[in-house]
PDB file of N, CA and C in Angstrom:
ATOM      1  N   MET A   1     176.198  84.527  99.352  1.00  0.00           N
ATOM      2  CA  MET A   1     177.501  84.955  98.882  1.00  0.00           C
ATOM      3  C   MET A   1     178.230  83.763  98.269  1.00  0.00           C
ATOM      4  N   THR A   2     179.001  84.022  97.288  1.00  0.00           N
ATOM      5  CA  THR A   2     179.806  82.965  96.693  1.00  0.00           C
ATOM      6  C   THR A   2     181.200  83.491  96.456  1.00  0.00           C
ATOM      7  N   GLY A   3     182.115  82.585  96.182  1.00  0.00           N
ATOM      8  CA  GLY A   3     183.472  82.993  95.871  1.00  0.00           C
ATOM      9  C   GLY A   3     184.428  82.701  97.007  1.00  0.00           C
ATOM     10  N   SER A   4     185.691  82.954  96.753  1.00  0.00           N
ATOM     11  CA  SER A   4     186.729  82.692  97.731  1.00  0.00           C
ATOM     12  C   SER A   4     186.570  83.594  98.940  1.00  0.00           C
ATOM     13  N   GLY A   5     186.666  83.002 100.119  1.00  0.00           N
ATOM     14  CA  GLY A   5     186.581  83.771 101.342  1.00  0.00           C
ATOM     15  C   GLY A   5     185.174  84.060 101.810  1.00  0.00           C
ATOM     16  N   SER A   6     184.174  83.557 101.127  1.00  0.00           N
ATOM     17  CA  SER A   6     182.786  83.797 101.520  1.00  0.00           C
ATOM     18  C   SER A   6     182.357  82.842 102.618  1.00  0.00           C
ATOM     19  N   LEU A   7     181.404  83.272 103.390  1.00  0.00           N
ATOM     20  CA  LEU A   7     180.845  82.407 104.420  1.00  0.00           C
ATOM     21  C   LEU A   7     179.825  81.477 103.800  1.00  0.00           C
ATOM     22  N   VAL A   8     179.782  80.259 104.274  1.00  0.00           N
ATOM     23  CA  VAL A   8     178.797  79.300 103.791  1.00  0.00           C
ATOM     24  C   VAL A   8     178.072  78.711 104.984  1.00  0.00           C
ATOM     25  N   SER A   9     176.837  78.362 104.802  1.00  0.00           N
ATOM     26  CA  SER A   9     176.043  77.755 105.856  1.00  0.00           C
ATOM     27  C   SER A   9     176.239  76.252 105.814  1.00  0.00           C
ATOM     28  N   ILE A  10     176.485  75.669 106.964  1.00  0.00           N
ATOM     29  CA  ILE A  10     176.623  74.224 107.053  1.00  0.00           C
ATOM     30  C   ILE A  10     175.682  73.719 108.140  1.00  0.00           C
ATOM     31  N   PRO A  11     175.173  72.500 108.018  1.00  0.00           N
ATOM     32  CA  PRO A  11     174.191  72.015 108.982  1.00  0.00           C
ATOM     33  C   PRO A  11     174.764  71.760 110.368  1.00  0.00           C
ATOM     34  N   ALA A  12     175.950  71.211 110.489  1.00  0.00           N
ATOM     35  CA  ALA A  12     176.557  70.923 111.786  1.00  0.00           C
ATOM     36  C   ALA A  12     178.038  70.660 111.592  1.00  0.00           C
ATOM     37  N   PHE A  13     178.798  70.845 112.635  1.00  0.00           N
ATOM     38  CA  PHE A  13     180.226  70.569 112.570  1.00  0.00           C
ATOM     39  C   PHE A  13     180.460  69.110 112.903  1.00  0.00           C
ATOM     40  N   THR A  14     180.871  68.356 111.923  1.00  0.00           N
ATOM     41  CA  THR A  14     181.183  66.955 112.139  1.00  0.00           C
ATOM     42  C   THR A  14     182.695  66.809 112.281  1.00  0.00           C
ATOM     43  N   THR A  15     183.124  65.685 112.801  1.00  0.00           N
ATOM     44  CA  THR A  15     184.553  65.423 112.915  1.00  0.00           C
ATOM     45  C   THR A  15     185.213  65.477 111.550  1.00  0.00           C
ATOM     46  N   LEU A  16     184.570  64.916 110.534  1.00  0.00           N
ATOM     47  CA  LEU A  16     185.138  64.940 109.182  1.00  0.00           C
ATOM     48  C   LEU A  16     185.265  66.361 108.651  1.00  0.00           C
ATOM     49  N   PHE A  17     184.270  67.209 108.935  1.00  0.00           N
ATOM     50  CA  PHE A  17     184.314  68.603 108.498  1.00  0.00           C
ATOM     51  C   PHE A  17     185.492  69.324 109.156  1.00  0.00           C
ATOM     52  N   LEU A  18     185.670  69.144 110.463  1.00  0.00           N
ATOM     53  CA  LEU A  18     186.770  69.798 111.166  1.00  0.00           C
ATOM     54  C   LEU A  18     188.126  69.270 110.696  1.00  0.00           C
ATOM     55  N   GLN A  19     188.213  67.981 110.410  1.00  0.00           N
ATOM     56  CA  GLN A  19     189.457  67.422 109.873  1.00  0.00           C
ATOM     57  C   GLN A  19     189.786  68.035 108.513  1.00  0.00           C
ATOM     58  N   GLU A  20     188.773  68.286 107.706  1.00  0.00           N
ATOM     59  CA  GLU A  20     188.988  68.906 106.397  1.00  0.00           C
ATOM     60  C   GLU A  20     189.473  70.346 106.554  1.00  0.00           C
ATOM     61  N   ILE A  21     188.917  71.085 107.495  1.00  0.00           N
ATOM     62  CA  ILE A  21     189.388  72.452 107.756  1.00  0.00           C
ATOM     63  C   ILE A  21     190.870  72.433 108.124  1.00  0.00           C
ATOM     64  N   VAL A  22     191.228  71.557 109.049  1.00  0.00           N
ATOM     65  CA  VAL A  22     192.623  71.462 109.489  1.00  0.00           C
ATOM     66  C   VAL A  22     193.521  71.051 108.331  1.00  0.00           C
ATOM     67  N   ARG A  23     193.103  70.090 107.537  1.00  0.00           N
ATOM     68  CA  ARG A  23     193.912  69.641 106.385  1.00  0.00           C
ATOM     69  C   ARG A  23     194.182  70.782 105.424  1.00  0.00           C
ATOM     70  N   ARG A  24     193.151  71.579 105.119  1.00  0.00           N
ATOM     71  CA  ARG A  24     193.312  72.693 104.189  1.00  0.00           C
ATOM     72  C   ARG A  24     194.238  73.769 104.735  1.00  0.00           C
ATOM     73  N   ILE A  25     194.137  74.034 106.033  1.00  0.00           N
ATOM     74  CA  ILE A  25     195.037  75.021 106.646  1.00  0.00           C
ATOM     75  C   ILE A  25     196.475  74.540 106.577  1.00  0.00           C
ATOM     76  N   VAL A  26     196.703  73.277 106.916  1.00  0.00           N
ATOM     77  CA  VAL A  26     198.054  72.714 106.880  1.00  0.00           C
ATOM     78  C   VAL A  26     198.602  72.727 105.462  1.00  0.00           C
ATOM     79  N   ASP A  27     197.782  72.368 104.472  1.00  0.00           N
ATOM     80  CA  ASP A  27     198.226  72.382 103.084  1.00  0.00           C
ATOM     81  C   ASP A  27     198.604  73.784 102.618  1.00  0.00           C
ATOM     82  N   ALA A  28     197.876  74.785 103.076  1.00  0.00           N
ATOM     83  CA  ALA A  28     198.096  76.158 102.610  1.00  0.00           C
ATOM     84  C   ALA A  28     199.221  76.865 103.363  1.00  0.00           C
ATOM     85  N   ASP A  29     199.304  76.681 104.683  1.00  0.00           N
ATOM     86  CA  ASP A  29     200.215  77.504 105.481  1.00  0.00           C
ATOM     87  C   ASP A  29     201.215  76.746 106.343  1.00  0.00           C
ATOM     88  N   ASP A  30     201.009  75.466 106.599  1.00  0.00           N
ATOM     89  CA  ASP A  30     201.880  74.650 107.445  1.00  0.00           C
ATOM     90  C   ASP A  30     202.177  75.335 108.782  1.00  0.00           C
ATOM     91  N   PRO A  31     201.138  75.641 109.570  1.00  0.00           N
ATOM     92  CA  PRO A  31     201.353  76.333 110.850  1.00  0.00           C
ATOM     93  C   PRO A  31     202.004  75.432 111.895  1.00  0.00           C
ATOM     94  N   GLU A  32     202.615  76.053 112.897  1.00  0.00           N
ATOM     95  CA  GLU A  32     203.185  75.317 114.018  1.00  0.00           C
ATOM     96  C   GLU A  32     202.083  74.637 114.824  1.00  0.00           C
ATOM     97  N   ARG A  33     200.953  75.346 114.991  1.00  0.00           N
ATOM     98  CA  ARG A  33     199.855  74.838 115.801  1.00  0.00           C
ATOM     99  C   ARG A  33     198.551  75.445 115.300  1.00  0.00           C
ATOM    100  N   ILE A  34     197.467  74.658 115.357  1.00  0.00           N
ATOM    101  CA  ILE A  34     196.117  75.124 115.019  1.00  0.00           C
ATOM    102  C   ILE A  34     195.247  74.903 116.248  1.00  0.00           C
ATOM    103  N   ILE A  35     194.505  75.947 116.634  1.00  0.00           N
ATOM    104  CA  ILE A  35     193.603  75.840 117.779  1.00  0.00           C
ATOM    105  C   ILE A  35     192.189  76.120 117.291  1.00  0.00           C
ATOM    106  N   LEU A  36     191.300  75.144 117.456  1.00  0.00           N
ATOM    107  CA  LEU A  36     189.893  75.307 117.110  1.00  0.00           C
ATOM    108  C   LEU A  36     189.124  75.526 118.404  1.00  0.00           C
ATOM    109  N   PHE A  37     188.304  76.579 118.440  1.00  0.00           N
ATOM    110  CA  PHE A  37     187.501  76.831 119.628  1.00  0.00           C
ATOM    111  C   PHE A  37     186.217  77.535 119.226  1.00  0.00           C
ATOM    112  N   GLY A  38     185.346  77.830 120.160  1.00  0.00           N
ATOM    113  CA  GLY A  38     184.064  78.452 119.878  1.00  0.00           C
ATOM    114  C   GLY A  38     182.942  77.616 120.457  1.00  0.00           C
ATOM    115  N   SER A  39     181.784  77.674 119.862  1.00  0.00           N
ATOM    116  CA  SER A  39     180.599  76.964 120.366  1.00  0.00           C
ATOM    117  C   SER A  39     180.423  75.624 119.676  1.00  0.00           C
ATOM    118  N   TYR A  40     181.507  74.896 119.538  1.00  0.00           N
ATOM    119  CA  TYR A  40     181.458  73.592 118.875  1.00  0.00           C
ATOM    120  C   TYR A  40     180.451  72.660 119.543  1.00  0.00           C
ATOM    121  N   ALA A  41     180.340  72.746 120.851  1.00  0.00           N
ATOM    122  CA  ALA A  41     179.412  71.865 121.573  1.00  0.00           C
ATOM    123  C   ALA A  41     177.969  72.075 121.113  1.00  0.00           C
ATOM    124  N   TYR A  42     177.657  73.280 120.680  1.00  0.00           N
ATOM    125  CA  TYR A  42     176.307  73.590 120.216  1.00  0.00           C
ATOM    126  C   TYR A  42     176.179  73.492 118.696  1.00  0.00           C
ATOM    127  N   GLY A  43     177.320  73.301 117.999  1.00  0.00           N
ATOM    128  CA  GLY A  43     177.296  73.195 116.542  1.00  0.00           C
ATOM    129  C   GLY A  43     176.999  74.506 115.851  1.00  0.00           C
ATOM    130  N   THR A  44     177.310  75.635 116.509  1.00  0.00           N
ATOM    131  CA  THR A  44     176.956  76.927 115.916  1.00  0.00           C
ATOM    132  C   THR A  44     178.134  77.679 115.335  1.00  0.00           C
ATOM    133  N   THR A  45     179.243  77.761 116.053  1.00  0.00           N
ATOM    134  CA  THR A  45     180.392  78.511 115.543  1.00  0.00           C
ATOM    135  C   THR A  45     181.687  77.822 115.928  1.00  0.00           C
ATOM    136  N   ILE A  46     182.697  78.077 115.132  1.00  0.00           N
ATOM    137  CA  ILE A  46     184.053  77.704 115.509  1.00  0.00           C
ATOM    138  C   ILE A  46     184.935  78.900 115.221  1.00  0.00           C
ATOM    139  N   ARG A  47     185.993  79.012 115.939  1.00  0.00           N
ATOM    140  CA  ARG A  47     187.010  80.028 115.712  1.00  0.00           C
ATOM    141  C   ARG A  47     188.316  79.273 115.517  1.00  0.00           C
ATOM    142  N   ILE A  48     189.201  79.855 114.731  1.00  0.00           N
ATOM    143  CA  ILE A  48     190.457  79.199 114.415  1.00  0.00           C
ATOM    144  C   ILE A  48     191.607  80.150 114.721  1.00  0.00           C
ATOM    145  N   ALA A  49     192.584  79.660 115.480  1.00  0.00           N
ATOM    146  CA  ALA A  49     193.811  80.407 115.726  1.00  0.00           C
ATOM    147  C   ALA A  49     194.967  79.556 115.211  1.00  0.00           C
ATOM    148  N   MET A  50     195.943  80.215 114.593  1.00  0.00           N
ATOM    149  CA  MET A  50     197.105  79.498 114.081  1.00  0.00           C
ATOM    150  C   MET A  50     198.369  80.143 114.612  1.00  0.00           C
ATOM    151  N   GLU A  51     199.319  79.317 114.976  1.00  0.00           N
ATOM    152  CA  GLU A  51     200.646  79.791 115.337  1.00  0.00           C
ATOM    153  C   GLU A  51     201.544  79.501 114.145  1.00  0.00           C
ATOM    154  N   ILE A  52     202.159  80.541 113.612  1.00  0.00           N
ATOM    155  CA  ILE A  52     203.029  80.368 112.449  1.00  0.00           C
ATOM    156  C   ILE A  52     204.405  80.932 112.759  1.00  0.00           C
ATOM    157  N   SER A  53     205.405  80.417 112.067  1.00  0.00           N
ATOM    158  CA  SER A  53     206.758  80.939 112.181  1.00  0.00           C
ATOM    159  C   SER A  53     206.933  82.070 111.184  1.00  0.00           C
ATOM    160  N   CYS A  54     207.545  83.134 111.648  1.00  0.00           N
ATOM    161  CA  CYS A  54     207.796  84.269 110.767  1.00  0.00           C
ATOM    162  C   CYS A  54     209.253  84.670 110.947  1.00  0.00           C
ATOM    163  N   THR A  55     210.069  84.372 109.963  1.00  0.00           N
ATOM    164  CA  THR A  55     211.505  84.668 110.072  1.00  0.00           C
ATOM    165  C   THR A  55     211.891  85.926 109.323  1.00  0.00           C
ATOM    166  N   SER A  56     211.011  86.497 108.496  1.00  0.00           N
ATOM    167  CA  SER A  56     211.380  87.647 107.684  1.00  0.00           C
ATOM    168  C   SER A  56     211.473  88.931 108.491  1.00  0.00           C
ATOM    169  N   SER A  57     210.571  89.143 109.431  1.00  0.00           N
ATOM    170  CA  SER A  57     210.629  90.342 110.270  1.00  0.00           C
ATOM    171  C   SER A  57     209.897  90.082 111.575  1.00  0.00           C
ATOM    172  N   PRO A  58     210.448  90.569 112.672  1.00  0.00           N
ATOM    173  CA  PRO A  58     209.771  90.352 113.949  1.00  0.00           C
ATOM    174  C   PRO A  58     208.529  91.212 114.079  1.00  0.00           C
ATOM    175  N   GLY A  59     207.645  90.837 114.964  1.00  0.00           N
ATOM    176  CA  GLY A  59     206.452  91.634 115.209  1.00  0.00           C
ATOM    177  C   GLY A  59     205.188  90.806 115.117  1.00  0.00           C
ATOM    178  N   LEU A  60     204.104  91.451 115.401  1.00  0.00           N
ATOM    179  CA  LEU A  60     202.794  90.805 115.408  1.00  0.00           C
ATOM    180  C   LEU A  60     202.131  90.973 114.048  1.00  0.00           C
ATOM    181  N   ILE A  61     201.599  89.881 113.535  1.00  0.00           N
ATOM    182  CA  ILE A  61     200.854  89.917 112.274  1.00  0.00           C
ATOM    183  C   ILE A  61     199.395  89.802 112.622  1.00  0.00           C
ATOM    184  N   ARG A  62     198.579  90.745 112.169  1.00  0.00           N
ATOM    185  CA  ARG A  62     197.145  90.715 112.458  1.00  0.00           C
ATOM    186  C   ARG A  62     196.372  90.596 111.173  1.00  0.00           C
ATOM    187  N   SER A  63     195.335  89.787 111.215  1.00  0.00           N
ATOM    188  CA  SER A  63     194.471  89.597 110.061  1.00  0.00           C
ATOM    189  C   SER A  63     193.303  90.555 110.126  1.00  0.00           C
ATOM    190  N   GLY A  64     192.903  91.102 108.984  1.00  0.00           N
ATOM    191  CA  GLY A  64     191.711  91.918 108.892  1.00  0.00           C
ATOM    192  C   GLY A  64     191.913  93.374 109.276  1.00  0.00           C
ATOM    193  N   GLU A  65     193.147  93.832 109.374  1.00  0.00           N
ATOM    194  CA  GLU A  65     193.368  95.245 109.691  1.00  0.00           C
ATOM    195  C   GLU A  65     193.933  95.977 108.508  1.00  0.00           C
TER     196      GLU A  65
END
């Protein structure tokens, strides 16, 4: 797959790779907090959670619904 939002295969999660992910998220959305979790110890998956401020309307914002 190619294009924006596509999954790409990477050999392993390095500190530099994770720093780049965080930098791009901060540049795009400026979240209050970023939480990286998953099977980082095994180098297989990571999951990303972001805490963002939303002043326009109260409520829960869900991605992918």
